Protein backbone atom coordinates (compact mmCIF):
# COMPACT_ATOMS: atom_id res chain seq x y z
CA UNK A 1 0.45 -0.21 0.09
CA UNK A 2 1.54 3.64 -1.09
CA UNK A 3 0.36 7.05 1.03
CA UNK A 4 0.46 9.53 -1.49
CA UNK A 5 0.80 13.35 -0.94
CA UNK A 6 -1.81 15.51 -2.37
CA UNK A 7 -0.34 17.68 -5.25
CA UNK A 8 -3.25 20.60 -4.74
CA UNK A 9 -1.72 23.82 -3.01
CA UNK A 10 0.11 23.79 -0.07
CA UNK A 11 -2.31 21.85 2.37
CA UNK A 12 -0.92 17.84 2.07
CA UNK A 13 -3.57 15.38 2.35
CA UNK A 14 -2.65 11.73 2.77
CA UNK A 15 -4.57 9.54 0.33
CA UNK A 16 -4.24 5.37 -0.08
CA UNK A 17 -3.35 3.83 -3.23
CA UNK A 18 -4.86 0.40 -3.46
CA UNK A 19 -5.52 0.14 -7.13
CA UNK A 20 -5.28 1.78 -10.50
CA UNK A 21 -8.87 3.61 -9.89
CA UNK A 22 -6.59 5.95 -7.05
CA UNK A 23 -3.66 5.85 -8.87
CA UNK A 24 -5.65 7.06 -12.12
CA UNK A 25 -7.18 9.91 -10.23
CA UNK A 26 -3.57 10.98 -8.88
CA UNK A 27 -2.01 11.04 -12.14
CA UNK A 28 -4.86 13.02 -13.44
CA UNK A 29 -4.53 15.81 -10.36
CA UNK A 30 -0.55 15.36 -11.13
CA UNK A 31 -1.05 16.59 -14.78
CA UNK A 32 -3.62 19.63 -14.09
CA UNK A 33 -0.90 20.84 -11.58
CA UNK A 34 1.55 21.02 -13.97
CA UNK A 35 -0.31 22.41 -16.73
CA UNK A 36 -1.11 25.19 -14.32
CA UNK A 37 2.68 25.70 -13.92
CA UNK A 38 2.99 25.93 -17.34
CA UNK A 39 0.26 28.85 -17.96
CA UNK A 40 2.28 30.85 -15.18
CA UNK A 41 2.35 34.35 -16.67
CA UNK A 42 6.02 35.20 -17.96
CA UNK A 43 6.50 38.34 -15.63
CA UNK A 44 6.44 36.05 -12.77
CA UNK A 45 9.70 34.04 -13.23
CA UNK A 46 13.02 35.55 -12.67
CA UNK A 47 16.14 34.50 -14.66
CA UNK A 48 18.31 32.50 -12.57
CA UNK A 49 20.82 31.62 -14.94
CA UNK A 50 21.25 31.72 -18.79
CA UNK A 51 23.59 29.41 -20.68
CA UNK A 52 24.70 28.79 -24.03
CA UNK A 53 21.91 25.94 -24.78
CA UNK A 54 19.32 26.68 -21.77
CA UNK A 55 17.53 29.50 -19.69
CA UNK A 56 16.56 28.51 -16.04
CA UNK A 57 13.93 30.64 -14.29
CA UNK A 58 12.92 30.50 -10.51
CA UNK A 59 10.18 31.55 -8.62
CA UNK A 60 9.05 31.05 -4.86
CA UNK A 61 7.32 27.24 -4.59
CA UNK A 62 3.86 27.10 -3.12
CA UNK A 63 4.60 23.63 -2.06
CA UNK A 64 7.74 24.11 0.11
CA UNK A 65 10.16 27.06 1.58
CA UNK A 66 12.12 26.47 -1.76
CA UNK A 67 11.78 27.50 -5.55
CA UNK A 68 10.05 26.16 -8.20
CA UNK A 69 12.71 26.16 -11.48
CA UNK A 70 11.92 26.33 -14.92
CA UNK A 71 14.13 25.15 -17.36
CA UNK A 72 14.01 25.66 -21.61
CA UNK A 73 15.83 24.40 -24.29
CA UNK A 74 15.75 23.06 -27.80
CA UNK A 75 16.63 19.19 -28.72
CA UNK A 76 17.55 18.09 -32.06
CA UNK A 77 15.41 15.08 -32.05
CA UNK A 78 11.48 14.02 -31.95
CA UNK A 79 9.09 14.14 -29.18
CA UNK A 80 8.88 10.54 -28.39
CA UNK A 81 12.92 9.82 -28.57
CA UNK A 82 13.38 13.01 -26.09
CA UNK A 83 10.72 11.50 -23.54
CA UNK A 84 12.35 8.16 -23.62
CA UNK A 85 15.37 9.87 -22.19
CA UNK A 86 13.43 11.47 -19.27
CA UNK A 87 10.38 9.27 -18.08
CA UNK A 88 11.53 6.23 -16.43
CA UNK A 89 13.15 3.54 -18.50
CA UNK A 90 16.91 1.95 -19.65
CA UNK A 91 17.14 5.11 -21.99
CA UNK A 92 17.49 7.31 -18.73
CA UNK A 93 20.33 5.79 -17.31
CA UNK A 94 22.29 5.98 -20.44
CA UNK A 95 22.57 9.77 -20.49
CA UNK A 96 21.79 11.08 -16.78
CA UNK A 97 25.40 10.90 -15.07
CA UNK A 98 23.77 12.22 -11.75
CA UNK A 99 21.49 9.37 -11.65
CA UNK A 100 23.53 5.70 -10.27
CA UNK A 101 20.39 3.75 -10.24
CA UNK A 102 16.77 3.07 -11.02
CA UNK A 103 14.14 0.81 -10.11
CA UNK A 104 10.63 0.35 -10.79
CA UNK A 105 8.64 -0.62 -7.83
CA UNK A 106 5.12 -1.01 -9.04
CA UNK A 107 3.31 -0.63 -12.63
CA UNK A 108 0.12 0.56 -13.03
CA UNK A 109 -0.27 0.88 -16.51
CA UNK A 110 2.29 1.60 -19.31
CA UNK A 111 2.47 5.08 -18.75
CA UNK A 112 2.48 5.03 -14.93
CA UNK A 113 4.53 3.86 -12.34
CA UNK A 114 6.60 3.79 -9.17
CA UNK A 115 9.97 4.27 -9.41
CA UNK A 116 13.04 4.48 -6.93
CA UNK A 117 16.23 6.00 -7.98
CA UNK A 118 19.35 7.32 -6.70
CA UNK A 119 21.67 9.95 -7.00
CA UNK A 120 25.55 10.75 -6.73
CA UNK A 121 27.09 13.08 -4.34
CA UNK A 122 27.46 16.77 -5.64
CA UNK A 123 29.65 19.80 -5.28
CA UNK A 124 32.66 17.76 -4.23
CA UNK A 125 29.93 15.70 -2.21
CA UNK A 126 29.01 18.72 -0.20
CA UNK A 127 25.43 17.02 -1.11
CA UNK A 128 25.51 13.48 -0.13
CA UNK A 129 24.11 10.83 -2.63
CA UNK A 130 19.97 10.89 -2.11
CA UNK A 131 17.07 8.60 -2.26
CA UNK A 132 14.12 9.52 -4.08
CA UNK A 133 10.87 7.36 -4.53
CA UNK A 134 8.47 8.91 -6.94
CA UNK A 135 5.22 8.23 -8.69
CA UNK A 136 5.52 9.06 -12.66
CA UNK A 137 3.30 9.56 -15.24
CA UNK A 138 3.48 10.42 -18.72
CA UNK A 139 0.68 11.76 -20.81
CA UNK A 140 -0.12 13.26 -24.08
CA UNK A 141 -0.06 17.22 -24.27
CA UNK A 142 -1.33 19.28 -27.32
CA UNK A 143 1.02 17.82 -30.02
CA UNK A 144 3.53 16.51 -27.78
CA UNK A 145 3.91 14.67 -24.30
CA UNK A 146 4.07 15.55 -20.67
CA UNK A 147 6.39 13.67 -18.65
CA UNK A 148 5.50 13.99 -14.74
CA UNK A 149 6.08 12.91 -11.11
CA UNK A 150 5.83 13.89 -7.47
CA UNK A 151 7.71 11.61 -4.63
CA UNK A 152 6.01 9.38 -2.23
CA UNK A 153 5.76 8.97 1.37
CA UNK A 154 7.52 5.42 0.95
CA UNK A 155 8.21 3.75 4.61
CA UNK A 156 10.85 1.38 3.32
CA UNK A 157 14.35 3.80 3.44
CA UNK A 158 18.02 2.56 3.29
CA UNK A 159 20.31 4.30 6.11
CA UNK A 160 23.10 4.95 3.20
CA UNK A 161 21.08 7.83 1.62
CA UNK A 162 19.38 10.67 2.57
CA UNK A 163 16.00 10.57 1.56
CA UNK A 164 14.90 13.61 -0.67
CA UNK A 165 11.65 14.58 -1.96
CA UNK A 166 10.36 16.21 -5.32
CA UNK A 167 7.03 18.11 -5.22
CA UNK A 168 5.21 18.12 -8.41
CA UNK A 169 7.65 18.61 -11.45
CA UNK A 170 7.63 17.76 -14.99
CA UNK A 171 8.81 17.68 -18.47
CA UNK A 172 6.66 19.13 -21.29
CA UNK A 173 8.22 18.12 -24.77
CA UNK A 174 6.26 19.41 -27.96
CA UNK A 175 7.64 19.70 -31.67
CA UNK A 176 8.50 22.99 -32.96
CA UNK A 177 5.88 24.27 -35.18
CA UNK A 178 8.29 25.35 -38.11
CA UNK A 179 10.50 22.11 -37.54
CA UNK A 180 8.95 18.94 -36.40
CA UNK A 181 12.12 17.56 -36.27
CA UNK A 182 12.90 19.24 -33.05
CA UNK A 183 11.43 19.75 -29.85
CA UNK A 184 10.96 22.18 -27.33
CA UNK A 185 11.58 20.91 -24.08
CA UNK A 186 10.32 22.81 -20.37
CA UNK A 187 10.71 21.57 -17.41
CA UNK A 188 9.40 22.23 -14.06
CA UNK A 189 11.52 21.23 -10.87
CA UNK A 190 11.17 21.79 -7.20
CA UNK A 191 13.37 19.57 -5.33
CA UNK A 192 13.44 19.30 -1.40
CA UNK A 193 17.16 17.77 -0.99
CA UNK A 194 16.81 17.65 2.68
CA UNK A 195 19.47 16.98 5.02
CA UNK A 196 22.03 19.91 6.49
CA UNK A 197 23.02 21.70 3.40
CA UNK A 198 23.45 25.42 2.88
CA UNK A 199 20.75 26.86 0.30
CA UNK A 200 23.59 28.28 -1.84
CA UNK A 201 25.07 24.44 -2.67
CA UNK A 202 21.20 23.68 -3.12
CA UNK A 203 20.45 26.21 -5.75
CA UNK A 204 23.52 25.39 -7.71
CA UNK A 205 22.67 21.79 -7.67
CA UNK A 206 19.19 22.78 -9.20
CA UNK A 207 21.08 24.89 -11.86
CA UNK A 208 23.55 22.03 -12.39
CA UNK A 209 20.89 19.21 -12.40
CA UNK A 210 18.47 20.78 -14.89
CA UNK A 211 20.28 20.89 -17.94
CA UNK A 212 19.75 17.46 -19.66
CA UNK A 213 23.19 15.69 -20.94
CA UNK A 214 21.23 15.97 -24.52
CA UNK A 215 21.80 17.95 -28.01
CA UNK A 216 20.16 21.45 -26.74
CA UNK A 217 19.92 24.36 -28.41
CA UNK A 218 19.27 27.91 -26.57
CA UNK A 219 15.44 29.31 -27.51
């Protein structure tokens, strides 16, 4: 049995997931939360970092005492291929050097699962390895796809890892109107790394972690 945390606003309500009907309801709420993020006006965001191939914005999160980050870039590949590198699966470990392991703990349907993954230490191990257990959902969005997730209250913990927590997050991927062989990738991340680490180190880790190791061009 899984205990889920509500993704609607700051108020957290525990929900038991006993089967696919609850998973479907939870997935819909998660999708709607990400669509809400995607509709936030441009003037609400502050540019946090601008690189050659990606721009990152941030705004205060409504979920926790941290930031909601937005990252965007153009990738020279079709939507399905890009999303295959983001959602749970073998392609994710191929490019994500920060992720050290990934296991699918439970499948609900082809595009909906519970995953557990670990990350390597960062910033000369100022940030030690973390473990996350996330509910993951991939669904069609406009002409492309949305792959989104949120952490679960999973009782089984491993002492060698600090358990991090991902508040509602996800990646929208749609084909460019003038070139369907390229994709516009827009991500929303709000991760509570937890543990005793400086906020400046958390921010640096968030900037670094949102640049996919993929052939990205600035947009």
